[in-house]
N, C-alpha and C. Protein backbone atom coordinates (compact mmCIF):
# COMPACT_ATOMS: atom_id res chain seq x y z
N MET A 1 -44.56 39.53 39.55
CA MET A 1 -45.13 40.74 40.16
C MET A 1 -45.38 40.46 41.64
N THR A 2 -44.94 41.37 42.48
CA THR A 2 -45.11 41.19 43.92
C THR A 2 -46.55 41.50 44.33
N ALA A 3 -46.89 41.11 45.55
CA ALA A 3 -48.23 41.39 46.08
C ALA A 3 -48.48 42.89 46.15
N ILE A 4 -47.48 43.64 46.57
CA ILE A 4 -47.65 45.10 46.66
C ILE A 4 -47.89 45.70 45.28
N GLU A 5 -47.17 45.21 44.28
CA GLU A 5 -47.38 45.71 42.91
C GLU A 5 -48.80 45.40 42.42
N LYS A 6 -49.31 44.23 42.74
CA LYS A 6 -50.68 43.86 42.36
C LYS A 6 -51.69 44.77 43.06
N VAL A 7 -51.44 45.04 44.34
CA VAL A 7 -52.33 45.93 45.09
C VAL A 7 -52.29 47.34 44.49
N GLU A 8 -51.10 47.82 44.15
CA GLU A 8 -50.97 49.16 43.54
C GLU A 8 -51.75 49.23 42.23
N LEU A 9 -51.68 48.19 41.41
CA LEU A 9 -52.44 48.17 40.16
C LEU A 9 -53.94 48.24 40.42
N ALA A 10 -54.41 47.51 41.42
CA ALA A 10 -55.83 47.54 41.76
C ALA A 10 -56.24 48.93 42.24
N ILE A 11 -55.41 49.55 43.04
CA ILE A 11 -55.72 50.89 43.56
C ILE A 11 -55.68 51.93 42.43
N ASP A 12 -54.79 51.72 41.47
CA ASP A 12 -54.70 52.66 40.35
C ASP A 12 -56.04 52.81 39.62
N SER A 13 -56.88 51.77 39.66
CA SER A 13 -58.17 51.84 38.99
C SER A 13 -59.14 52.81 39.69
N ILE A 14 -58.93 53.05 40.98
CA ILE A 14 -59.82 53.98 41.70
C ILE A 14 -59.10 55.26 42.14
N ARG A 15 -57.79 55.31 41.95
CA ARG A 15 -57.00 56.47 42.38
C ARG A 15 -57.52 57.80 41.80
N PRO A 16 -57.95 57.86 40.54
CA PRO A 16 -58.46 59.15 40.03
C PRO A 16 -59.63 59.69 40.85
N TYR A 17 -60.47 58.80 41.37
CA TYR A 17 -61.61 59.24 42.20
C TYR A 17 -61.13 59.79 43.53
N LEU A 18 -60.13 59.15 44.11
CA LEU A 18 -59.56 59.64 45.37
C LEU A 18 -58.91 61.01 45.16
N LYS A 19 -58.14 61.13 44.09
CA LYS A 19 -57.44 62.39 43.81
C LYS A 19 -58.41 63.52 43.47
N ALA A 20 -59.53 63.18 42.85
CA ALA A 20 -60.53 64.20 42.52
C ALA A 20 -61.07 64.87 43.77
N ASP A 21 -61.05 64.14 44.89
CA ASP A 21 -61.52 64.69 46.16
C ASP A 21 -60.37 65.15 47.05
N GLY A 22 -59.17 65.25 46.48
CA GLY A 22 -58.02 65.75 47.23
C GLY A 22 -57.32 64.71 48.09
N GLY A 23 -57.56 63.44 47.82
CA GLY A 23 -56.94 62.39 48.63
C GLY A 23 -56.11 61.44 47.80
N ASP A 24 -55.52 60.50 48.47
CA ASP A 24 -54.75 59.44 47.83
C ASP A 24 -54.53 58.34 48.85
N ILE A 25 -53.83 57.30 48.46
CA ILE A 25 -53.61 56.17 49.33
C ILE A 25 -52.21 55.62 49.07
N LYS A 26 -51.54 55.21 50.11
CA LYS A 26 -50.20 54.64 50.01
C LYS A 26 -50.23 53.23 50.57
N VAL A 27 -49.75 52.26 49.79
CA VAL A 27 -49.69 50.87 50.23
C VAL A 27 -48.42 50.71 51.07
N LEU A 28 -48.59 50.24 52.31
CA LEU A 28 -47.46 50.06 53.21
C LEU A 28 -46.94 48.63 53.20
N GLU A 29 -47.85 47.66 53.26
CA GLU A 29 -47.43 46.26 53.27
C GLU A 29 -48.59 45.33 53.01
N VAL A 30 -48.25 44.11 52.63
CA VAL A 30 -49.20 43.01 52.57
C VAL A 30 -48.64 41.96 53.53
N THR A 31 -49.38 41.68 54.59
CA THR A 31 -48.88 40.78 55.63
C THR A 31 -48.99 39.32 55.20
N GLU A 32 -48.35 38.45 55.97
CA GLU A 32 -48.40 37.01 55.69
C GLU A 32 -49.81 36.45 55.75
N ASP A 33 -50.67 37.06 56.60
CA ASP A 33 -52.05 36.60 56.68
C ASP A 33 -52.98 37.35 55.72
N GLN A 34 -52.37 37.91 54.65
CA GLN A 34 -53.11 38.53 53.55
C GLN A 34 -53.95 39.74 53.96
N VAL A 35 -53.37 40.59 54.80
CA VAL A 35 -53.98 41.86 55.17
C VAL A 35 -53.17 42.97 54.51
N VAL A 36 -53.86 43.83 53.78
CA VAL A 36 -53.20 44.96 53.14
C VAL A 36 -53.27 46.14 54.10
N LYS A 37 -52.11 46.72 54.41
CA LYS A 37 -52.06 47.89 55.28
C LYS A 37 -51.74 49.10 54.41
N VAL A 38 -52.58 50.12 54.56
CA VAL A 38 -52.45 51.33 53.75
C VAL A 38 -52.45 52.56 54.65
N GLU A 39 -52.01 53.66 54.07
CA GLU A 39 -52.09 54.96 54.73
C GLU A 39 -52.95 55.85 53.85
N LEU A 40 -53.96 56.45 54.43
CA LEU A 40 -54.81 57.39 53.71
C LEU A 40 -54.14 58.75 53.73
N LEU A 41 -54.05 59.38 52.56
CA LEU A 41 -53.33 60.64 52.42
C LEU A 41 -54.27 61.78 52.02
N GLY A 42 -53.82 62.99 52.28
CA GLY A 42 -54.59 64.16 51.89
C GLY A 42 -55.93 64.21 52.60
N SER A 43 -56.96 64.60 51.87
CA SER A 43 -58.28 64.72 52.48
C SER A 43 -58.85 63.38 52.91
N CYS A 44 -58.33 62.27 52.38
CA CYS A 44 -58.82 60.95 52.78
C CYS A 44 -58.44 60.64 54.23
N GLY A 45 -57.39 61.28 54.72
CA GLY A 45 -56.92 61.01 56.07
C GLY A 45 -57.86 61.46 57.17
N ASP A 46 -58.66 62.50 56.90
CA ASP A 46 -59.55 63.01 57.95
C ASP A 46 -61.00 63.18 57.50
N CYS A 47 -61.34 62.57 56.37
CA CYS A 47 -62.71 62.65 55.87
C CYS A 47 -63.61 61.72 56.67
N PRO A 48 -64.80 62.19 57.06
CA PRO A 48 -65.71 61.32 57.81
C PRO A 48 -66.19 60.11 57.00
N MET A 49 -66.05 60.14 55.70
CA MET A 49 -66.48 59.02 54.85
C MET A 49 -65.33 58.05 54.56
N SER A 50 -64.17 58.25 55.15
CA SER A 50 -63.00 57.43 54.84
C SER A 50 -63.20 55.95 55.10
N SER A 51 -63.89 55.61 56.18
CA SER A 51 -64.08 54.19 56.47
C SER A 51 -64.95 53.53 55.40
N MET A 52 -65.94 54.25 54.89
CA MET A 52 -66.78 53.71 53.83
C MET A 52 -65.98 53.62 52.52
N THR A 53 -65.19 54.63 52.23
CA THR A 53 -64.34 54.60 51.03
C THR A 53 -63.38 53.43 51.10
N LEU A 54 -62.82 53.20 52.28
CA LEU A 54 -61.86 52.11 52.46
C LEU A 54 -62.51 50.77 52.19
N LYS A 55 -63.69 50.53 52.75
CA LYS A 55 -64.36 49.23 52.60
C LYS A 55 -65.03 49.09 51.24
N ALA A 56 -65.84 50.06 50.85
CA ALA A 56 -66.64 49.93 49.63
C ALA A 56 -65.84 50.21 48.36
N GLY A 57 -64.78 50.99 48.48
CA GLY A 57 -64.00 51.33 47.29
C GLY A 57 -62.69 50.60 47.21
N VAL A 58 -61.81 50.89 48.14
CA VAL A 58 -60.46 50.36 48.11
C VAL A 58 -60.44 48.85 48.31
N GLU A 59 -61.06 48.37 49.39
CA GLU A 59 -61.04 46.94 49.66
C GLU A 59 -61.72 46.15 48.55
N ASP A 60 -62.80 46.66 48.04
CA ASP A 60 -63.51 45.98 46.95
C ASP A 60 -62.63 45.87 45.71
N ALA A 61 -61.96 46.95 45.34
CA ALA A 61 -61.09 46.93 44.15
C ALA A 61 -59.93 45.95 44.34
N ILE A 62 -59.35 45.94 45.53
CA ILE A 62 -58.22 45.04 45.79
C ILE A 62 -58.68 43.58 45.77
N LYS A 63 -59.81 43.30 46.42
CA LYS A 63 -60.29 41.91 46.48
C LYS A 63 -60.72 41.38 45.11
N LYS A 64 -61.19 42.26 44.23
CA LYS A 64 -61.52 41.82 42.87
C LYS A 64 -60.26 41.40 42.13
N ALA A 65 -59.17 42.13 42.34
CA ALA A 65 -57.90 41.80 41.68
C ALA A 65 -57.16 40.67 42.37
N MET A 66 -57.35 40.56 43.68
CA MET A 66 -56.63 39.57 44.48
C MET A 66 -57.58 38.94 45.50
N PRO A 67 -58.35 37.95 45.09
CA PRO A 67 -59.34 37.34 45.99
C PRO A 67 -58.75 36.75 47.27
N GLU A 68 -57.46 36.47 47.28
CA GLU A 68 -56.82 35.90 48.46
C GLU A 68 -56.65 36.90 49.61
N ILE A 69 -56.86 38.18 49.33
CA ILE A 69 -56.74 39.21 50.38
C ILE A 69 -57.91 39.08 51.34
N ASN A 70 -57.61 39.09 52.64
CA ASN A 70 -58.65 38.96 53.68
C ASN A 70 -59.30 40.30 54.02
N ARG A 71 -58.49 41.33 54.14
CA ARG A 71 -59.04 42.66 54.46
C ARG A 71 -58.01 43.74 54.19
N VAL A 72 -58.48 44.96 54.23
CA VAL A 72 -57.62 46.14 54.06
C VAL A 72 -57.77 47.00 55.30
N GLU A 73 -56.66 47.41 55.87
CA GLU A 73 -56.67 48.25 57.07
C GLU A 73 -55.91 49.54 56.80
N ALA A 74 -56.48 50.64 57.26
CA ALA A 74 -55.78 51.92 57.18
C ALA A 74 -55.11 52.15 58.54
N VAL A 75 -53.81 52.36 58.53
CA VAL A 75 -53.08 52.53 59.77
C VAL A 75 -53.38 53.87 60.44
N ASN A 76 -53.90 54.83 59.67
CA ASN A 76 -54.14 56.16 60.23
C ASN A 76 -55.61 56.55 60.22
N LEU A 77 -56.50 55.58 60.10
CA LEU A 77 -57.93 55.88 60.08
C LEU A 77 -58.43 56.16 61.49
N VAL A 78 -59.02 57.32 61.66
CA VAL A 78 -59.58 57.69 62.96
C VAL A 78 -61.07 57.43 62.92
N SER A 79 -61.53 56.62 63.87
CA SER A 79 -62.97 56.29 63.86
C SER A 79 -63.76 57.19 64.77
């Protein structure tokens, strides 16, 4: 199983919550330095709570499944 497949499985555990609020997430890559790059989709792309969702929800779920991951970054997150 590739790193991206493992990340997708981890995200699948929280995806229903994202979709319930009209959003979703797309995994773009896992870099050599163990950074997961994602794109926030739908309402997640412009929600003011997206940064908290990314850290407290998405990053937490991924790190539980893959402790070697250093961080998760959204390429389209506007701060």
